Protein backbone atom coordinates (compact mmCIF):
# COMPACT_ATOMS: atom_id res chain seq x y z
CA MET A 1 -15.82 -12.03 13.14
CA ASN A 2 -13.87 -14.85 14.75
CA VAL A 3 -10.14 -14.33 14.17
CA ILE A 4 -9.55 -17.85 12.82
CA TYR A 5 -12.36 -17.54 10.25
CA TRP A 6 -11.00 -14.14 9.25
CA TRP A 7 -7.55 -15.67 8.86
CA TYR A 8 -8.93 -18.45 6.61
CA PHE A 9 -10.62 -15.77 4.50
CA MET A 10 -7.37 -13.82 4.21
CA ILE A 11 -5.47 -16.98 3.18
CA ALA A 12 -8.04 -17.67 0.45
CA ILE A 13 -7.79 -14.11 -0.86
CA ALA A 14 -3.99 -14.29 -0.79
CA ILE A 15 -3.93 -17.49 -2.88
CA ILE A 16 -6.45 -16.12 -5.39
CA ASN A 17 -4.53 -12.87 -5.80
CA ILE A 18 -1.23 -14.67 -6.36
CA LEU A 19 -2.83 -16.90 -9.00
CA ILE A 20 -4.42 -13.93 -10.81
CA ILE A 21 -1.25 -11.85 -10.98
CA SER A 22 0.87 -14.90 -11.91
CA PHE A 23 -1.38 -15.88 -14.83
CA ASN A 24 -1.20 -12.30 -16.03
CA ILE A 25 2.45 -12.65 -17.02
CA LYS A 26 1.41 -14.36 -20.27
CA ASN A 27 -0.07 -11.04 -21.44
CA VAL A 28 3.20 -9.13 -21.01
CA ASN A 29 4.66 -8.11 -24.40
CA SER A 30 6.96 -5.14 -23.77
CA LYS A 31 9.67 -4.02 -21.38
CA PHE A 32 7.37 -1.43 -19.82
CA GLU A 33 4.66 -4.03 -19.25
CA MET A 34 7.21 -6.35 -17.63
CA ASN A 35 8.30 -3.51 -15.36
CA ILE A 36 4.80 -2.75 -14.14
CA PHE A 37 4.03 -6.47 -13.86
CA ILE A 38 7.06 -6.94 -11.58
CA LEU A 39 6.04 -3.96 -9.44
CA ALA A 40 2.48 -5.27 -9.11
CA PHE A 41 3.69 -8.81 -8.42
CA ILE A 42 5.97 -7.61 -5.61
CA PHE A 43 3.08 -5.73 -3.99
CA VAL A 44 0.58 -8.58 -4.34
CA PHE A 45 3.08 -11.25 -3.26
CA VAL A 46 4.11 -9.35 -0.12
CA ASN A 47 0.46 -8.64 0.71
CA SER A 48 -0.23 -12.36 0.40
CA ILE A 49 2.63 -13.21 2.76
CA ARG A 50 1.32 -10.65 5.23
CA SER A 51 -2.21 -12.05 4.87
CA ILE A 52 -1.08 -15.53 5.84
CA TRP A 53 1.42 -14.56 8.53
CA LEU A 54 -0.60 -11.76 10.05
CA ARG A 55 1.07 -9.29 12.37
CA GLU A 56 0.84 -5.68 13.51
CA ASP A 57 4.24 -4.03 13.67
CA ILE A 58 3.87 -1.38 16.34
CA GLN A 59 2.21 -3.54 19.00
CA ARG A 60 4.53 -6.47 18.08
CA LEU A 61 1.28 -8.42 17.69
CA CYS A 62 1.50 -11.69 15.72
CA LEU A 63 -0.93 -14.45 14.89
CA HIS A 64 1.99 -16.93 14.82
CA ASN A 65 5.42 -16.88 16.39
CA ASN A 66 7.94 -17.53 13.61
CA LEU A 67 10.50 -15.72 11.46
CA ILE A 68 8.07 -14.65 8.73
CA SER A 69 5.70 -13.25 11.36
CA SER A 70 8.44 -11.05 12.81
CA PRO A 71 7.39 -7.38 12.71
CA LEU A 72 10.91 -6.46 11.59
CA VAL A 73 10.90 -8.91 8.67
CA GLY A 74 7.40 -7.83 7.74
CA ARG A 75 8.30 -4.15 7.77
CA ILE A 76 11.35 -4.73 5.57
CA ILE A 77 9.39 -6.52 2.83
CA THR A 78 6.47 -4.11 3.19
CA THR A 79 8.75 -1.14 2.55
CA PHE A 80 9.77 -2.61 -0.80
CA SER A 81 6.19 -3.55 -1.69
CA GLU A 82 4.72 -0.12 -0.90
CA LEU A 83 7.43 1.66 -2.87
CA SER A 84 6.71 -0.75 -5.75
CA PHE A 85 3.01 0.10 -5.57
CA ALA A 86 3.69 3.84 -5.56
CA LEU A 87 6.09 3.52 -8.51
CA LEU A 88 3.51 1.45 -10.41
CA ILE A 89 0.98 4.28 -10.14
CA VAL A 90 3.53 6.95 -11.06
CA LEU A 91 4.72 5.06 -14.16
CA ILE A 92 1.23 4.55 -15.53
CA PHE A 93 0.33 8.20 -14.97
CA LYS A 94 3.53 9.26 -16.71
CA LYS A 95 2.49 7.18 -19.71
CA ILE A 96 -0.81 9.07 -19.84
CA VAL A 97 0.96 12.42 -19.51
CA ASN A 98 3.48 11.66 -22.25
CA ARG A 99 0.96 10.06 -24.58
CA SER A 100 -1.30 13.07 -24.86
CA ASN A 101 1.35 15.81 -24.74
CA HIS A 102 0.13 17.11 -21.42
CA ASN A 103 2.19 19.67 -19.52
CA PRO A 104 5.54 17.91 -18.82
CA ALA A 105 5.67 19.62 -15.44
CA ILE A 106 3.11 17.04 -14.33
CA ASN A 107 5.86 14.43 -14.53
CA ILE A 108 7.82 16.43 -11.96
CA VAL A 109 4.77 16.46 -9.69
CA LEU A 110 4.52 12.68 -10.07
CA ASP A 111 8.18 12.32 -9.13
CA LEU A 112 7.47 14.38 -6.01
CA VAL A 113 4.62 12.01 -5.15
CA PHE A 114 7.05 9.10 -5.19
CA ILE A 115 9.53 11.05 -3.05
CA ALA A 116 6.69 11.77 -0.61
CA ILE A 117 6.05 8.04 -0.28
CA ILE A 118 9.73 7.46 0.48
CA ILE A 119 9.38 10.03 3.26
CA ALA A 120 6.22 8.25 4.46
CA GLU A 121 8.22 5.03 4.73
CA VAL A 122 10.80 6.82 6.88
CA PHE A 123 8.01 8.05 9.17
CA CYS A 124 6.67 4.50 9.32
CA TRP A 125 10.02 3.04 10.34
CA LYS A 126 10.44 5.70 13.00
CA GLY A 127 7.00 4.89 14.38
CA CYS A 128 7.50 1.12 14.27
CA LEU A 129 10.89 1.24 15.96
CA SER A 130 9.89 3.67 18.70
CA THR A 131 6.22 2.52 18.93
CA ASN A 132 5.34 6.23 19.04
CA GLN A 133 2.39 6.28 16.67
CA PHE A 134 2.63 10.01 16.14
CA TRP A 135 5.12 9.08 13.41
CA ASN A 136 2.62 6.67 11.88
CA MET A 137 0.07 9.48 11.87
CA LEU A 138 2.57 11.49 9.82
CA GLU A 139 3.07 8.47 7.56
CA GLU A 140 -0.66 8.08 6.90
CA SER A 141 -1.06 11.83 6.44
CA THR A 142 1.67 11.74 3.79
CA TRP A 143 -0.09 8.89 1.98
CA ALA A 144 -3.35 10.84 2.12
CA PHE A 145 -1.66 13.98 0.80
CA SER A 146 -0.07 11.97 -2.03
CA ALA A 147 -3.48 10.59 -2.95
CA PHE A 148 -4.83 14.14 -2.94
CA ILE A 149 -2.09 15.16 -5.41
CA ILE A 150 -3.06 12.22 -7.65
CA THR A 151 -6.66 13.46 -7.49
CA ILE A 152 -5.58 16.94 -8.59
CA VAL A 153 -3.35 15.53 -11.35
CA SER A 154 -6.25 13.40 -12.59
CA ILE A 155 -8.58 16.41 -12.69
CA VAL A 156 -6.00 18.46 -14.60
CA LEU A 157 -5.45 15.65 -17.12
CA LEU A 158 -9.19 15.10 -17.50
CA PHE A 159 -9.78 18.65 -18.75
CA LYS A 160 -7.43 18.17 -21.70
CA GLU A 161 -7.73 14.43 -22.37
CA LYS A 162 -9.77 13.54 -25.46
CA ASN A 163 -9.61 9.75 -25.40
CA LEU A 164 -12.74 8.25 -23.83
CA THR A 165 -10.98 5.22 -22.32
CA ILE A 166 -8.40 7.34 -20.52
CA ARG A 167 -11.08 9.81 -19.44
CA LYS A 168 -12.97 6.94 -17.80
CA PHE A 169 -9.75 5.81 -16.11
CA LEU A 170 -9.17 9.32 -14.76
CA ILE A 171 -12.75 9.63 -13.51
CA VAL A 172 -12.50 6.30 -11.67
CA THR A 173 -9.16 7.42 -10.21
CA ILE A 174 -10.68 10.67 -8.96
CA ILE A 175 -13.57 8.84 -7.27
CA ALA A 176 -11.30 6.15 -5.79
CA THR A 177 -8.71 8.59 -4.41
CA ILE A 178 -11.40 10.82 -2.88
CA CYS A 179 -12.91 7.77 -1.13
CA TYR A 180 -9.44 6.82 0.10
CA GLU A 181 -8.78 10.33 1.38
CA ILE A 182 -12.09 10.38 3.26
CA PHE A 183 -11.24 7.03 4.89
CA MET A 184 -7.80 8.26 5.87
CA VAL A 185 -9.06 11.52 7.36
CA LYS A 186 -12.09 10.01 9.09
CA VAL A 187 -10.72 6.65 10.26
CA ASP A 188 -7.04 5.91 9.81
CA ILE A 189 -5.31 9.14 10.84
CA PRO A 190 -7.54 9.68 13.92
CA MET A 191 -6.78 6.07 14.99
CA TYR A 192 -3.05 6.83 15.07
CA ILE A 193 -3.61 10.18 16.81
CA LYS A 194 -5.58 8.33 19.49
CA ARG A 195 -2.75 5.82 19.93
CA SER A 196 0.08 8.36 19.76
CA ASN A 197 0.85 8.31 23.48
CA ASN A 198 0.72 4.53 23.80
CA ILE A 199 4.46 3.78 23.64
CA THR A 200 5.01 0.08 24.34
CA THR A 201 8.80 -0.32 24.16
CA ASN A 202 11.55 0.66 26.54
CA ALA A 203 14.24 0.21 23.88
CA LYS A 204 16.09 3.46 23.20
CA GLY A 205 19.02 2.89 20.87
CA PHE A 206 18.58 2.05 17.18
CA PHE A 207 19.91 -1.51 17.46
CA SER A 208 17.96 -2.13 20.65
CA GLN A 209 14.80 -1.01 18.88
CA LEU A 210 15.60 -3.26 15.91
CA TYR A 211 15.95 -6.26 18.23
CA ASP A 212 12.76 -5.28 20.03
CA MET A 213 10.92 -5.09 16.70
CA TYR A 214 12.28 -8.48 15.63
CA ASN A 215 10.31 -10.26 18.35
CA CYS A 216 6.60 -10.91 18.62
CA LYS A 217 5.61 -9.66 22.06
CA ILE A 218 1.96 -10.72 21.77
CA VAL A 219 1.11 -13.99 20.02
CA SER A 220 -2.63 -14.36 20.06
CA LYS A 221 -5.71 -15.36 18.08
CA SER A 222 -8.01 -13.45 20.40
CA ASN A 223 -10.49 -10.89 19.08
CA LYS A 224 -9.40 -8.70 21.98
CA TYR A 225 -6.24 -7.86 20.04
CA TRP A 226 -7.37 -8.19 16.44
CA ASP A 227 -10.81 -6.55 16.25
CA GLU A 228 -9.38 -3.06 15.71
CA GLU A 229 -6.87 -4.33 13.15
CA MET A 230 -9.26 -6.40 11.02
CA PRO A 231 -10.91 -3.59 8.99
CA TRP A 232 -7.76 -1.86 7.72
CA LEU A 233 -5.77 -5.07 7.22
CA THR A 234 -8.64 -6.61 5.25
CA GLY A 235 -9.02 -3.51 3.07
CA TYR A 236 -5.28 -3.21 2.51
CA PHE A 237 -4.72 -6.84 1.51
CA THR A 238 -7.82 -7.08 -0.67
CA PHE A 239 -8.53 -3.73 -2.35
CA GLY A 240 -4.86 -2.77 -2.40
CA SER A 241 -3.86 -5.94 -4.22
CA TRP A 242 -6.86 -5.75 -6.56
CA LEU A 243 -5.93 -2.20 -7.49
CA ALA A 244 -2.37 -3.22 -8.40
CA ILE A 245 -3.68 -6.10 -10.50
CA ALA A 246 -6.31 -3.88 -12.14
CA LEU A 247 -3.73 -1.25 -13.11
CA VAL A 248 -1.61 -3.83 -14.93
CA MET A 249 -4.61 -5.42 -16.65
CA TRP A 250 -5.98 -2.01 -17.67
CA TYR A 251 -2.71 -1.01 -19.27
CA GLN A 252 -2.35 -4.33 -21.08
CA SER A 253 -5.88 -4.17 -22.46
CA ASN A 254 -5.29 -0.60 -23.68
CA ARG A 255 -1.65 -0.84 -24.77
CA LYS A 256 -2.51 0.39 -28.29
CA LEU A 257 -3.30 3.80 -26.84
CA PHE A 258 0.31 4.21 -25.78
């Protein structure tokens, strides 16, 4: 696909997603619902910014050359958005655990999942600053492992859960996380392993690497640079945002269960 047409598509999706999550605030009627709404809004809003001002952090590849397109700025806001997304999932699962008197130890496992995502963000920063994508392979592996833990937690909950609505939610979660894990193992992680020796910065010190990451080294709308990035960026900014929105809407439509 032509990069410009792809960009127009991403802009359209970004606007639609922002409108959907924004309209959803009228359905918020508790502190917990406001908390998960805020977490989802942060994730969707940052994804929308990244969809419009497209960039790829490690290669310092940008569609436009401006402050918002800066890989450093993008990585800062993305860190907050990804932690928000992970916390959103953890909080909803904790509600399911506590509602049905499941083993409280599951809550500890969920806390460990969130801690794992914090570690994944550290790996990501290390990879982005150094451009050594071995660290990004570790990041993606940690995300995949966290998804695997959510799969196991969902299976454990499913065996004891009696409510049909929550059982359906858990079944969908199991299927979705397995699909995600297959994608990560088959596509995403091997991509970073392949790129692991392609270090593109000479910056060594922390502050030098920060400055290096601040700048867009490649500003281009050529398919030569973007073809390999299109699939994962499209999936991230569409399905990722839709999942965050769906989690909030699912909880709101089933709030009586909790």
